[in-house]
Every structure is written in structure tokens, then in C-alpha cells.
Amino acid sequence: MPGVDQEVSVNWLYLDPHYKTIKQKKRTFSEEKGETIREEVDKLLGGGAIRDLLSPTWLENVVLVPQPNGTWRMGTDFTNINKAYPKDCFLLPNIDRLVDSSGGYKVVDFLDTFRGYY
């Protein structure tokens, strides 16, 4: 794994080379939201889900979504990078088919349904 001072290429994403890389302008957040972001980033860094980059090729902002219990859920706005990513040539499975195919089993597992996907 590269050190923090090394730039990591995103070539493994197979982005369309015709798209210009975009670095979104930094958004400002209230003190409460900023603390939520710091805590969530520290959790993700500690768990190895993300890592520091000093010179990212793409820069996408975080988005905070209010939850019914009064807390915030952090996500990322990947609008720009999604436009540069080629579309898949296959369709996702139909949800009805997936549910029907799970019948007859004693255990059905839905991964990470509480916290979402990172």
C-alpha cells in the first residue's frame, strides 16, 4: 500500500479517458456536522475502509443525510466520477427473482443492512 505522501492512481476504475477529472470545491459544514464527519472518517480510517491521499485525481465531497433518530449519516457525492465510469453491459438481477430464490433456506443473510455500504 502506498504511503500517505504518494499519489494513488485510479486507473483500475477504467474511467473513460475523454472525461476531464473534477475536483469539487470544498463544502463548509456547521460545527456539529463537522464533528460528525471527523468521527466517521476516523472510524473508516481505523477500519481500513479508506486511506489518506494528498493529491487525489478526483475529489468528491461528503454529504450528510439526517436520520430519523436525529443523527447524521455520511455518504459521498460520486455524481461526477459516475459520469466518467462506463456503463455495465449487464443488468442487475431482478429483486423478485432474488427473493424467490432465497425460499426454502433456514438462514438468509443481508450484509450490512444497518450501516449501509462503504
PDB file of N, CA and C in Angstrom:
ATOM      1  N   MET A   1       0.849  -1.178   0.000  1.00  0.00           N
ATOM      2  CA  MET A   1       0.000   0.000   0.000  1.00  0.00           C
ATOM      3  C   MET A   1       0.892   1.238   0.000  1.00  0.00           C
ATOM      4  N   PRO A   2       0.622   2.234  -0.878  1.00  0.00           N
ATOM      5  CA  PRO A   2       1.445   3.423  -0.939  1.00  0.00           C
ATOM      6  C   PRO A   2       1.364   4.218   0.351  1.00  0.00           C
ATOM      7  N   GLY A   3       2.426   4.960   0.630  1.00  0.00           N
ATOM      8  CA  GLY A   3       2.428   5.831   1.794  1.00  0.00           C
ATOM      9  C   GLY A   3       1.513   7.022   1.582  1.00  0.00           C
ATOM     10  N   VAL A   4       1.285   7.785   2.644  1.00  0.00           N
ATOM     11  CA  VAL A   4       0.379   8.923   2.588  1.00  0.00           C
ATOM     12  C   VAL A   4       0.898   9.983   1.624  1.00  0.00           C
ATOM     13  N   ASP A   5       2.237  10.069   1.460  1.00  0.00           N
ATOM     14  CA  ASP A   5       2.799  11.099   0.607  1.00  0.00           C
ATOM     15  C   ASP A   5       2.810  10.726  -0.874  1.00  0.00           C
ATOM     16  N   GLN A   6       2.335   9.562  -1.233  1.00  0.00           N
ATOM     17  CA  GLN A   6       2.321   9.113  -2.618  1.00  0.00           C
ATOM     18  C   GLN A   6       0.917   9.222  -3.199  1.00  0.00           C
ATOM     19  N   GLU A   7       0.843   9.645  -4.451  1.00  0.00           N
ATOM     20  CA  GLU A   7      -0.455   9.706  -5.115  1.00  0.00           C
ATOM     21  C   GLU A   7      -0.844   8.319  -5.574  1.00  0.00           C
ATOM     22  N   VAL A   8      -2.101   7.987  -5.422  1.00  0.00           N
ATOM     23  CA  VAL A   8      -2.600   6.684  -5.848  1.00  0.00           C
ATOM     24  C   VAL A   8      -3.426   6.885  -7.103  1.00  0.00           C
ATOM     25  N   SER A   9      -3.135   6.138  -8.128  1.00  0.00           N
ATOM     26  CA  SER A   9      -3.852   6.247  -9.386  1.00  0.00           C
ATOM     27  C   SER A   9      -5.206   5.565  -9.282  1.00  0.00           C
ATOM     28  N   VAL A  10      -6.188   6.090 -10.005  1.00  0.00           N
ATOM     29  CA  VAL A  10      -7.496   5.447 -10.058  1.00  0.00           C
ATOM     30  C   VAL A  10      -7.685   4.742 -11.393  1.00  0.00           C
ATOM     31  N   ASN A  11      -6.596   4.412 -12.086  1.00  0.00           N
ATOM     32  CA  ASN A  11      -6.705   3.750 -13.383  1.00  0.00           C
ATOM     33  C   ASN A  11      -7.418   2.422 -13.289  1.00  0.00           C
ATOM     34  N   TRP A  12      -7.383   1.770 -12.156  1.00  0.00           N
ATOM     35  CA  TRP A  12      -8.042   0.482 -12.014  1.00  0.00           C
ATOM     36  C   TRP A  12      -9.560   0.619 -12.092  1.00  0.00           C
ATOM     37  N   LEU A  13     -10.086   1.863 -12.062  1.00  0.00           N
ATOM     38  CA  LEU A  13     -11.523   2.067 -12.211  1.00  0.00           C
ATOM     39  C   LEU A  13     -11.953   2.042 -13.673  1.00  0.00           C
ATOM     40  N   TYR A  14     -11.001   2.057 -14.592  1.00  0.00           N
ATOM     41  CA  TYR A  14     -11.297   2.046 -16.025  1.00  0.00           C
ATOM     42  C   TYR A  14     -12.198   3.213 -16.417  1.00  0.00           C
ATOM     43  N   LEU A  15     -11.826   4.418 -15.995  1.00  0.00           N
ATOM     44  CA  LEU A  15     -12.610   5.602 -16.330  1.00  0.00           C
ATOM     45  C   LEU A  15     -12.399   5.967 -17.795  1.00  0.00           C
ATOM     46  N   ASP A  16     -13.427   6.539 -18.393  1.00  0.00           N
ATOM     47  CA  ASP A  16     -13.359   6.995 -19.774  1.00  0.00           C
ATOM     48  C   ASP A  16     -12.325   8.121 -19.860  1.00  0.00           C
ATOM     49  N   PRO A  17     -11.268   7.969 -20.676  1.00  0.00           N
ATOM     50  CA  PRO A  17     -10.214   8.987 -20.725  1.00  0.00           C
ATOM     51  C   PRO A  17     -10.674  10.315 -21.337  1.00  0.00           C
ATOM     52  N   HIS A  18     -11.832  10.349 -21.957  1.00  0.00           N
ATOM     53  CA  HIS A  18     -12.332  11.581 -22.551  1.00  0.00           C
ATOM     54  C   HIS A  18     -12.918  12.543 -21.520  1.00  0.00           C
ATOM     55  N   TYR A  19     -13.179  12.056 -20.318  1.00  0.00           N
ATOM     56  CA  TYR A  19     -13.729  12.904 -19.268  1.00  0.00           C
ATOM     57  C   TYR A  19     -12.606  13.620 -18.533  1.00  0.00           C
ATOM     58  N   LYS A  20     -12.808  14.898 -18.286  1.00  0.00           N
ATOM     59  CA  LYS A  20     -11.849  15.691 -17.538  1.00  0.00           C
ATOM     60  C   LYS A  20     -12.018  15.378 -16.043  1.00  0.00           C
ATOM     61  N   THR A  21     -10.911  15.202 -15.334  1.00  0.00           N
ATOM     62  CA  THR A  21     -11.019  14.951 -13.893  1.00  0.00           C
ATOM     63  C   THR A  21     -11.582  16.191 -13.208  1.00  0.00           C
ATOM     64  N   ILE A  22     -12.379  15.954 -12.186  1.00  0.00           N
ATOM     65  CA  ILE A  22     -13.056  17.048 -11.487  1.00  0.00           C
ATOM     66  C   ILE A  22     -12.722  16.974 -10.005  1.00  0.00           C
ATOM     67  N   LYS A  23     -12.357  18.122  -9.464  1.00  0.00           N
ATOM     68  CA  LYS A  23     -12.159  18.250  -8.022  1.00  0.00           C
ATOM     69  C   LYS A  23     -13.223  19.233  -7.539  1.00  0.00           C
ATOM     70  N   GLN A  24     -14.229  18.692  -6.844  1.00  0.00           N
ATOM     71  CA  GLN A  24     -15.307  19.546  -6.338  1.00  0.00           C
ATOM     72  C   GLN A  24     -14.744  20.539  -5.327  1.00  0.00           C
ATOM     73  N   LYS A  25     -15.330  21.731  -5.276  1.00  0.00           N
ATOM     74  CA  LYS A  25     -14.921  22.728  -4.292  1.00  0.00           C
ATOM     75  C   LYS A  25     -15.315  22.245  -2.903  1.00  0.00           C
ATOM     76  N   LYS A  26     -14.457  22.529  -1.932  1.00  0.00           N
ATOM     77  CA  LYS A  26     -14.715  22.089  -0.567  1.00  0.00           C
ATOM     78  C   LYS A  26     -15.970  22.762  -0.010  1.00  0.00           C
ATOM     79  N   ARG A  27     -16.857  21.942   0.536  1.00  0.00           N
ATOM     80  CA  ARG A  27     -18.066  22.456   1.180  1.00  0.00           C
ATOM     81  C   ARG A  27     -17.756  22.788   2.637  1.00  0.00           C
ATOM     82  N   THR A  28     -18.444  23.758   3.164  1.00  0.00           N
ATOM     83  CA  THR A  28     -18.293  24.078   4.583  1.00  0.00           C
ATOM     84  C   THR A  28     -19.486  23.505   5.342  1.00  0.00           C
ATOM     85  N   PHE A  29     -19.223  23.087   6.563  1.00  0.00           N
ATOM     86  CA  PHE A  29     -20.257  22.468   7.393  1.00  0.00           C
ATOM     87  C   PHE A  29     -20.295  23.148   8.748  1.00  0.00           C
ATOM     88  N   SER A  30     -21.425  23.046   9.423  1.00  0.00           N
ATOM     89  CA  SER A  30     -21.546  23.571  10.777  1.00  0.00           C
ATOM     90  C   SER A  30     -20.620  22.769  11.700  1.00  0.00           C
ATOM     91  N   GLU A  31     -20.427  23.287  12.897  1.00  0.00           N
ATOM     92  CA  GLU A  31     -19.556  22.607  13.862  1.00  0.00           C
ATOM     93  C   GLU A  31     -20.076  21.203  14.187  1.00  0.00           C
ATOM     94  N   GLU A  32     -21.387  21.068  14.350  1.00  0.00           N
ATOM     95  CA  GLU A  32     -21.991  19.756  14.656  1.00  0.00           C
ATOM     96  C   GLU A  32     -21.741  18.771  13.513  1.00  0.00           C
ATOM     97  N   LYS A  33     -21.992  19.212  12.287  1.00  0.00           N
ATOM     98  CA  LYS A  33     -21.781  18.332  11.139  1.00  0.00           C
ATOM     99  C   LYS A  33     -20.305  18.020  10.955  1.00  0.00           C
ATOM    100  N   GLY A  34     -19.444  19.008  11.179  1.00  0.00           N
ATOM    101  CA  GLY A  34     -18.001  18.797  11.063  1.00  0.00           C
ATOM    102  C   GLY A  34     -17.510  17.736  12.040  1.00  0.00           C
ATOM    103  N   GLU A  35     -18.027  17.764  13.260  1.00  0.00           N
ATOM    104  CA  GLU A  35     -17.651  16.754  14.265  1.00  0.00           C
ATOM    105  C   GLU A  35     -18.133  15.377  13.843  1.00  0.00           C
ATOM    106  N   THR A  36     -19.337  15.282  13.300  1.00  0.00           N
ATOM    107  CA  THR A  36     -19.860  14.008  12.798  1.00  0.00           C
ATOM    108  C   THR A  36     -18.962  13.464  11.697  1.00  0.00           C
ATOM    109  N   ILE A  37     -18.547  14.335  10.783  1.00  0.00           N
ATOM    110  CA  ILE A  37     -17.668  13.918   9.682  1.00  0.00           C
ATOM    111  C   ILE A  37     -16.330  13.424  10.227  1.00  0.00           C
ATOM    112  N   ARG A  38     -15.731  14.170  11.162  1.00  0.00           N
ATOM    113  CA  ARG A  38     -14.443  13.749  11.753  1.00  0.00           C
ATOM    114  C   ARG A  38     -14.555  12.376  12.411  1.00  0.00           C
ATOM    115  N   GLU A  39     -15.614  12.169  13.187  1.00  0.00           N
ATOM    116  CA  GLU A  39     -15.795  10.879  13.863  1.00  0.00           C
ATOM    117  C   GLU A  39     -15.938   9.736  12.854  1.00  0.00           C
ATOM    118  N   GLU A  40     -16.748   9.956  11.818  1.00  0.00           N
ATOM    119  CA  GLU A  40     -16.978   8.906  10.817  1.00  0.00           C
ATOM    120  C   GLU A  40     -15.707   8.625  10.019  1.00  0.00           C
ATOM    121  N   VAL A  41     -14.973   9.666   9.659  1.00  0.00           N
ATOM    122  CA  VAL A  41     -13.712   9.484   8.919  1.00  0.00           C
ATOM    123  C   VAL A  41     -12.703   8.742   9.783  1.00  0.00           C
ATOM    124  N   ASP A  42     -12.617   9.081  11.062  1.00  0.00           N
ATOM    125  CA  ASP A  42     -11.701   8.372  11.965  1.00  0.00           C
ATOM    126  C   ASP A  42     -12.055   6.888  12.049  1.00  0.00           C
ATOM    127  N   LYS A  43     -13.361   6.576  12.109  1.00  0.00           N
ATOM    128  CA  LYS A  43     -13.808   5.173  12.132  1.00  0.00           C
ATOM    129  C   LYS A  43     -13.398   4.446  10.858  1.00  0.00           C
ATOM    130  N   LEU A  44     -13.629   5.088   9.722  1.00  0.00           N
ATOM    131  CA  LEU A  44     -13.314   4.468   8.434  1.00  0.00           C
ATOM    132  C   LEU A  44     -11.805   4.306   8.239  1.00  0.00           C
ATOM    133  N   LEU A  45     -11.025   5.304   8.665  1.00  0.00           N
ATOM    134  CA  LEU A  45      -9.562   5.183   8.590  1.00  0.00           C
ATOM    135  C   LEU A  45      -9.071   4.054   9.486  1.00  0.00           C
ATOM    136  N   GLY A  46      -9.595   4.000  10.711  1.00  0.00           N
ATOM    137  CA  GLY A  46      -9.197   2.961  11.661  1.00  0.00           C
ATOM    138  C   GLY A  46      -9.537   1.565  11.188  1.00  0.00           C
ATOM    139  N   GLY A  47     -10.639   1.427  10.474  1.00  0.00           N
ATOM    140  CA  GLY A  47     -11.058   0.124   9.967  1.00  0.00           C
ATOM    141  C   GLY A  47     -10.440  -0.242   8.630  1.00  0.00           C
ATOM    142  N   GLY A  48      -9.672   0.666   8.047  1.00  0.00           N
ATOM    143  CA  GLY A  48      -9.029   0.377   6.770  1.00  0.00           C
ATOM    144  C   GLY A  48      -9.950   0.504   5.566  1.00  0.00           C
ATOM    145  N   ALA A  49     -11.141   1.089   5.743  1.00  0.00           N
ATOM    146  CA  ALA A  49     -12.079   1.234   4.632  1.00  0.00           C
ATOM    147  C   ALA A  49     -11.671   2.370   3.699  1.00  0.00           C
ATOM    148  N   ILE A  50     -10.943   3.362   4.233  1.00  0.00           N
ATOM    149  CA  ILE A  50     -10.445   4.478   3.433  1.00  0.00           C
ATOM    150  C   ILE A  50      -9.006   4.745   3.826  1.00  0.00           C
ATOM    151  N   ARG A  51      -8.316   5.565   3.031  1.00  0.00           N
ATOM    152  CA  ARG A  51      -6.946   5.968   3.374  1.00  0.00           C
ATOM    153  C   ARG A  51      -6.711   7.395   2.903  1.00  0.00           C
ATOM    154  N   ASP A  52      -5.690   8.033   3.468  1.00  0.00           N
ATOM    155  CA  ASP A  52      -5.341   9.409   3.122  1.00  0.00           C
ATOM    156  C   ASP A  52      -4.692   9.478   1.744  1.00  0.00           C
ATOM    157  N   LEU A  53      -5.030  10.518   1.001  1.00  0.00           N
ATOM    158  CA  LEU A  53      -4.364  10.840  -0.263  1.00  0.00           C
ATOM    159  C   LEU A  53      -4.073  12.335  -0.250  1.00  0.00           C
ATOM    160  N   LEU A  54      -2.838  12.697  -0.569  1.00  0.00           N
ATOM    161  CA  LEU A  54      -2.504  14.111  -0.575  1.00  0.00           C
ATOM    162  C   LEU A  54      -2.847  14.786  -1.897  1.00  0.00           C
ATOM    163  N   SER A  55      -2.780  14.066  -3.000  1.00  0.00           N
ATOM    164  CA  SER A  55      -3.069  14.644  -4.312  1.00  0.00           C
ATOM    165  C   SER A  55      -4.041  13.759  -5.067  1.00  0.00           C
ATOM    166  N   PRO A  56      -5.298  13.736  -4.661  1.00  0.00           N
ATOM    167  CA  PRO A  56      -6.242  12.859  -5.351  1.00  0.00           C
ATOM    168  C   PRO A  56      -6.517  13.346  -6.773  1.00  0.00           C
ATOM    169  N   THR A  57      -6.707  12.410  -7.678  1.00  0.00           N
ATOM    170  CA  THR A  57      -7.046  12.752  -9.053  1.00  0.00           C
ATOM    171  C   THR A  57      -8.467  13.291  -9.114  1.00  0.00           C
ATOM    172  N   TRP A  58      -9.384  12.681  -8.399  1.00  0.00           N
ATOM    173  CA  TRP A  58     -10.770  13.120  -8.302  1.00  0.00           C
ATOM    174  C   TRP A  58     -11.023  13.523  -6.857  1.00  0.00           C
ATOM    175  N   LEU A  59     -11.827  14.537  -6.653  1.00  0.00           N
ATOM    176  CA  LEU A  59     -12.181  14.945  -5.297  1.00  0.00           C
ATOM    177  C   LEU A  59     -13.687  15.095  -5.223  1.00  0.00           C
ATOM    178  N   GLU A  60     -14.331  14.254  -4.435  1.00  0.00           N
ATOM    179  CA  GLU A  60     -15.789  14.265  -4.282  1.00  0.00           C
ATOM    180  C   GLU A  60     -16.108  14.589  -2.827  1.00  0.00           C
ATOM    181  N   ASN A  61     -17.097  15.440  -2.604  1.00  0.00           N
ATOM    182  CA  ASN A  61     -17.474  15.876  -1.268  1.00  0.00           C
ATOM    183  C   ASN A  61     -18.313  14.837  -0.534  1.00  0.00           C
ATOM    184  N   VAL A  62     -18.281  14.945   0.795  1.00  0.00           N
ATOM    185  CA  VAL A  62     -19.182  14.123   1.598  1.00  0.00           C
ATOM    186  C   VAL A  62     -20.532  14.813   1.662  1.00  0.00           C
ATOM    187  N   VAL A  63     -21.549  14.008   1.921  1.00  0.00           N
ATOM    188  CA  VAL A  63     -22.916  14.507   2.049  1.00  0.00           C
ATOM    189  C   VAL A  63     -23.465  13.942   3.348  1.00  0.00           C
ATOM    190  N   LEU A  64     -24.094  14.791   4.147  1.00  0.00           N
ATOM    191  CA  LEU A  64     -24.715  14.327   5.390  1.00  0.00           C
ATOM    192  C   LEU A  64     -26.223  14.302   5.222  1.00  0.00           C
ATOM    193  N   VAL A  65     -26.809  13.171   5.582  1.00  0.00           N
ATOM    194  CA  VAL A  65     -28.251  12.983   5.458  1.00  0.00           C
ATOM    195  C   VAL A  65     -28.820  12.794   6.868  1.00  0.00           C
ATOM    196  N   PRO A  66     -29.842  13.582   7.242  1.00  0.00           N
ATOM    197  CA  PRO A  66     -30.416  13.426   8.580  1.00  0.00           C
ATOM    198  C   PRO A  66     -31.155  12.097   8.714  1.00  0.00           C
ATOM    199  N   GLN A  67     -30.983  11.467   9.857  1.00  0.00           N
ATOM    200  CA  GLN A  67     -31.647  10.201  10.155  1.00  0.00           C
ATOM    201  C   GLN A  67     -32.828  10.457  11.101  1.00  0.00           C
ATOM    202  N   PRO A  68     -33.812   9.574  11.116  1.00  0.00           N
ATOM    203  CA  PRO A  68     -34.989   9.776  11.976  1.00  0.00           C
ATOM    204  C   PRO A  68     -34.651   9.928  13.460  1.00  0.00           C
ATOM    205  N   ASN A  69     -33.541   9.330  13.903  1.00  0.00           N
ATOM    206  CA  ASN A  69     -33.185   9.406  15.326  1.00  0.00           C
ATOM    207  C   ASN A  69     -32.401  10.671  15.676  1.00  0.00           C
ATOM    208  N   GLY A  70     -32.270  11.611  14.717  1.00  0.00           N
ATOM    209  CA  GLY A  70     -31.590  12.877  14.993  1.00  0.00           C
ATOM    210  C   GLY A  70     -30.107  12.875  14.679  1.00  0.00           C
ATOM    211  N   THR A  71     -29.546  11.744  14.293  1.00  0.00           N
ATOM    212  CA  THR A  71     -28.134  11.682  13.933  1.00  0.00           C
ATOM    213  C   THR A  71     -27.975  11.939  12.435  1.00  0.00           C
ATOM    214  N   TRP A  72     -26.730  11.929  11.982  1.00  0.00           N
ATOM    215  CA  TRP A  72     -26.422  12.148  10.574  1.00  0.00           C
ATOM    216  C   TRP A  72     -25.783  10.901   9.988  1.00  0.00           C
ATOM    217  N   ARG A  73     -26.117  10.580   8.753  1.00  0.00           N
ATOM    218  CA  ARG A  73     -25.440   9.502   8.014  1.00  0.00           C
ATOM    219  C   ARG A  73     -24.573  10.166   6.953  1.00  0.00           C
ATOM    220  N   MET A  74     -23.301   9.760   6.921  1.00  0.00           N
ATOM    221  CA  MET A  74     -22.368  10.337   5.962  1.00  0.00           C
ATOM    222  C   MET A  74     -22.310   9.487   4.704  1.00  0.00           C
ATOM    223  N   GLY A  75     -22.343  10.138   3.583  1.00  0.00           N
ATOM    224  CA  GLY A  75     -22.184   9.482   2.290  1.00  0.00           C
ATOM    225  C   GLY A  75     -21.241  10.314   1.431  1.00  0.00           C
ATOM    226  N   THR A  76     -21.104   9.947   0.181  1.00  0.00           N
ATOM    227  CA  THR A  76     -20.234  10.682  -0.737  1.00  0.00           C
ATOM    228  C   THR A  76     -20.997  10.982  -2.011  1.00  0.00           C
ATOM    229  N   ASP A  77     -20.786  12.165  -2.546  1.00  0.00           N
ATOM    230  CA  ASP A  77     -21.421  12.584  -3.791  1.00  0.00           C
ATOM    231  C   ASP A  77     -20.532  12.167  -4.966  1.00  0.00           C
ATOM    232  N   PHE A  78     -20.806  10.996  -5.557  1.00  0.00           N
ATOM    233  CA  PHE A  78     -20.000  10.474  -6.655  1.00  0.00           C
ATOM    234  C   PHE A  78     -20.589  10.825  -8.028  1.00  0.00           C
ATOM    235  N   THR A  79     -21.376  11.891  -8.114  1.00  0.00           N
ATOM    236  CA  THR A  79     -22.037  12.263  -9.363  1.00  0.00           C
ATOM    237  C   THR A  79     -21.047  12.409 -10.516  1.00  0.00           C
ATOM    238  N   ASN A  80     -19.963  13.133 -10.301  1.00  0.00           N
ATOM    239  CA  ASN A  80     -19.016  13.403 -11.383  1.00  0.00           C
ATOM    240  C   ASN A  80     -18.268  12.153 -11.831  1.00  0.00           C
ATOM    241  N   ILE A  81     -17.759  11.377 -10.892  1.00  0.00           N
ATOM    242  CA  ILE A  81     -16.989  10.184 -11.268  1.00  0.00           C
ATOM    243  C   ILE A  81     -17.898   9.124 -11.895  1.00  0.00           C
ATOM    244  N   ASN A  82     -19.168   9.089 -11.490  1.00  0.00           N
ATOM    245  CA  ASN A  82     -20.107   8.141 -12.101  1.00  0.00           C
ATOM    246  C   ASN A  82     -20.322   8.439 -13.579  1.00  0.00           C
ATOM    247  N   LYS A  83     -20.295   9.715 -13.955  1.00  0.00           N
ATOM    248  CA  LYS A  83     -20.455  10.090 -15.364  1.00  0.00           C
ATOM    249  C   LYS A  83     -19.284   9.587 -16.209  1.00  0.00           C
ATOM    250  N   ALA A  84     -18.092   9.535 -15.613  1.00  0.00           N
ATOM    251  CA  ALA A  84     -16.894   9.119 -16.345  1.00  0.00           C
ATOM    252  C   ALA A  84     -16.721   7.606 -16.369  1.00  0.00           C
ATOM    253  N   TYR A  85     -17.484   6.911 -15.567  1.00  0.00           N
ATOM    254  CA  TYR A  85     -17.364   5.458 -15.488  1.00  0.00           C
ATOM    255  C   TYR A  85     -18.234   4.819 -16.562  1.00  0.00           C
ATOM    256  N   PRO A  86     -17.686   3.925 -17.377  1.00  0.00           N
ATOM    257  CA  PRO A  86     -18.504   3.311 -18.438  1.00  0.00           C
ATOM    258  C   PRO A  86     -19.651   2.496 -17.852  1.00  0.00           C
ATOM    259  N   LYS A  87     -20.753   2.471 -18.572  1.00  0.00           N
ATOM    260  CA  LYS A  87     -21.923   1.722 -18.128  1.00  0.00           C
ATOM    261  C   LYS A  87     -21.676   0.223 -18.285  1.00  0.00           C
ATOM    262  N   ASP A  88     -22.187  -0.551 -17.346  1.00  0.00           N
ATOM    263  CA  ASP A  88     -22.055  -2.008 -17.416  1.00  0.00           C
ATOM    264  C   ASP A  88     -22.927  -2.551 -18.537  1.00  0.00           C
ATOM    265  N   CYS A  89     -22.459  -3.610 -19.172  1.00  0.00           N
ATOM    266  CA  CYS A  89     -23.220  -4.191 -20.282  1.00  0.00           C
ATOM    267  C   CYS A  89     -24.147  -5.307 -19.799  1.00  0.00           C
ATOM    268  N   PHE A  90     -24.319  -5.439 -18.488  1.00  0.00           N
ATOM    269  CA  PHE A  90     -25.233  -6.453 -17.970  1.00  0.00           C
ATOM    270  C   PHE A  90     -26.155  -5.803 -16.942  1.00  0.00           C
ATOM    271  N   LEU A  91     -27.330  -6.349 -16.792  1.00  0.00           N
ATOM    272  CA  LEU A  91     -28.304  -5.801 -15.866  1.00  0.00           C
ATOM    273  C   LEU A  91     -28.170  -6.443 -14.494  1.00  0.00           C
ATOM    274  N   LEU A  92     -28.573  -5.706 -13.475  1.00  0.00           N
ATOM    275  CA  LEU A  92     -28.623  -6.271 -12.135  1.00  0.00           C
ATOM    276  C   LEU A  92     -29.769  -7.271 -12.071  1.00  0.00           C
ATOM    277  N   PRO A  93     -29.659  -8.276 -11.221  1.00  0.00           N
ATOM    278  CA  PRO A  93     -30.748  -9.251 -11.117  1.00  0.00           C
ATOM    279  C   PRO A  93     -32.033  -8.593 -10.613  1.00  0.00           C
ATOM    280  N   ASN A  94     -33.150  -9.092 -11.061  1.00  0.00           N
ATOM    281  CA  ASN A  94     -34.444  -8.606 -10.624  1.00  0.00           C
ATOM    282  C   ASN A  94     -34.635  -8.976  -9.154  1.00  0.00           C
ATOM    283  N   ILE A  95     -35.046  -8.010  -8.330  1.00  0.00           N
ATOM    284  CA  ILE A  95     -35.176  -8.241  -6.894  1.00  0.00           C
ATOM    285  C   ILE A  95     -36.184  -9.348  -6.584  1.00  0.00           C
ATOM    286  N   ASP A  96     -37.270  -9.448  -7.356  1.00  0.00           N
ATOM    287  CA  ASP A  96     -38.255 -10.514  -7.129  1.00  0.00           C
ATOM    288  C   ASP A  96     -37.609 -11.888  -7.310  1.00  0.00           C
ATOM    289  N   ARG A  97     -36.763 -11.997  -8.312  1.00  0.00           N
ATOM    290  CA  ARG A  97     -36.064 -13.262  -8.567  1.00  0.00           C
ATOM    291  C   ARG A  97     -35.143 -13.636  -7.406  1.00  0.00           C
ATOM    292  N   LEU A  98     -34.442 -12.625  -6.878  1.00  0.00           N
ATOM    293  CA  LEU A  98     -33.539 -12.876  -5.748  1.00  0.00           C
ATOM    294  C   LEU A  98     -34.314 -13.337  -4.517  1.00  0.00           C
ATOM    295  N   VAL A  99     -35.425 -12.659  -4.231  1.00  0.00           N
ATOM    296  CA  VAL A  99     -36.236 -13.025  -3.064  1.00  0.00           C
ATOM    297  C   VAL A  99     -36.811 -14.430  -3.242  1.00  0.00           C
ATOM    298  N   ASP A 100     -37.346 -14.721  -4.406  1.00  0.00           N
ATOM    299  CA  ASP A 100     -37.920 -16.046  -4.676  1.00  0.00           C
ATOM    300  C   ASP A 100     -36.871 -17.150  -4.562  1.00  0.00           C
ATOM    301  N   SER A 101     -35.653 -16.869  -5.009  1.00  0.00           N
ATOM    302  CA  SER A 101     -34.612 -17.899  -4.973  1.00  0.00           C
ATOM    303  C   SER A 101     -34.082 -18.148  -3.565  1.00  0.00           C
ATOM    304  N   SER A 102     -34.415 -17.270  -2.616  1.00  0.00           N
ATOM    305  CA  SER A 102     -33.950 -17.469  -1.244  1.00  0.00           C
ATOM    306  C   SER A 102     -34.902 -18.346  -0.432  1.00  0.00           C
ATOM    307  N   GLY A 103     -36.051 -18.710  -0.997  1.00  0.00           N
ATOM    308  CA  GLY A 103     -37.026 -19.552  -0.294  1.00  0.00           C
ATOM    309  C   GLY A 103     -36.501 -20.958  -0.054  1.00  0.00           C
ATOM    310  N   GLY A 104     -36.914 -21.550   1.048  1.00  0.00           N
ATOM    311  CA  GLY A 104     -36.534 -22.922   1.364  1.00  0.00           C
ATOM    312  C   GLY A 104     -35.254 -23.035   2.185  1.00  0.00           C
ATOM    313  N   TYR A 105     -34.570 -21.922   2.420  1.00  0.00           N
ATOM    314  CA  TYR A 105     -33.345 -21.952   3.222  1.00  0.00           C
ATOM    315  C   TYR A 105     -33.666 -21.598   4.671  1.00  0.00           C
ATOM    316  N   LYS A 106     -32.873 -22.122   5.601  1.00  0.00           N
ATOM    317  CA  LYS A 106     -33.091 -21.820   7.014  1.00  0.00           C
ATOM    318  C   LYS A 106     -32.573 -20.439   7.386  1.00  0.00           C
ATOM    319  N   VAL A 107     -31.510 -19.977   6.714  1.00  0.00           N
ATOM    320  CA  VAL A 107     -30.893 -18.695   7.049  1.00  0.00           C
ATOM    321  C   VAL A 107     -30.740 -17.867   5.777  1.00  0.00           C
ATOM    322  N   VAL A 108     -31.132 -16.616   5.868  1.00  0.00           N
ATOM    323  CA  VAL A 108     -30.903 -15.667   4.785  1.00  0.00           C
ATOM    324  C   VAL A 108     -30.141 -14.497   5.403  1.00  0.00           C
ATOM    325  N   ASP A 109     -29.029 -14.111   4.799  1.00  0.00           N
ATOM    326  CA  ASP A 109     -28.184 -13.056   5.345  1.00  0.00           C
ATOM    327  C   ASP A 109     -28.194 -11.846   4.425  1.00  0.00           C
ATOM    328  N   PHE A 110     -28.474 -10.679   4.989  1.00  0.00           N
ATOM    329  CA  PHE A 110     -28.401  -9.430   4.250  1.00  0.00           C
ATOM    330  C   PHE A 110     -27.230  -8.655   4.833  1.00  0.00           C
ATOM    331  N   LEU A 111     -26.156  -8.558   4.083  1.00  0.00           N
ATOM    332  CA  LEU A 111     -24.932  -7.945   4.586  1.00  0.00           C
ATOM    333  C   LEU A 111     -25.071  -6.441   4.760  1.00  0.00           C
ATOM    334  N   ASP A 112     -24.647  -5.950   5.905  1.00  0.00           N
ATOM    335  CA  ASP A 112     -24.504  -4.534   6.182  1.00  0.00           C
ATOM    336  C   ASP A 112     -25.776  -3.732   5.935  1.00  0.00           C
ATOM    337  N   THR A 113     -26.920  -4.256   6.286  1.00  0.00           N
ATOM    338  CA  THR A 113     -28.154  -3.525   6.051  1.00  0.00           C
ATOM    339  C   THR A 113     -28.376  -2.422   7.075  1.00  0.00           C
ATOM    340  N   PHE A 114     -27.717  -2.507   8.227  1.00  0.00           N
ATOM    341  CA  PHE A 114     -27.908  -1.476   9.251  1.00  0.00           C
ATOM    342  C   PHE A 114     -27.128  -0.215   8.922  1.00  0.00           C
ATOM    343  N   ARG A 115     -25.851  -0.340   8.582  1.00  0.00           N
ATOM    344  CA  ARG A 115     -24.999   0.835   8.364  1.00  0.00           C
ATOM    345  C   ARG A 115     -24.895   1.261   6.902  1.00  0.00           C
ATOM    346  N   GLY A 116     -25.351   0.481   5.978  1.00  0.00           N
ATOM    347  CA  GLY A 116     -25.207   0.834   4.570  1.00  0.00           C
ATOM    348  C   GLY A 116     -23.935   0.251   3.997  1.00  0.00           C
ATOM    349  N   TYR A 117     -23.550   0.690   2.841  1.00  0.00           N
ATOM    350  CA  TYR A 117     -22.404   0.123   2.127  1.00  0.00           C
ATOM    351  C   TYR A 117     -21.295   1.151   2.020  1.00  0.00           C
ATOM    352  N   TYR A 118     -20.054   0.724   2.298  1.00  0.00           N
ATOM    353  CA  TYR A 118     -18.881   1.602   2.125  1.00  0.00           C
ATOM    354  C   TYR A 118     -18.067   1.062   0.988  1.00  0.00           C
TER     355      TYR A 118
END
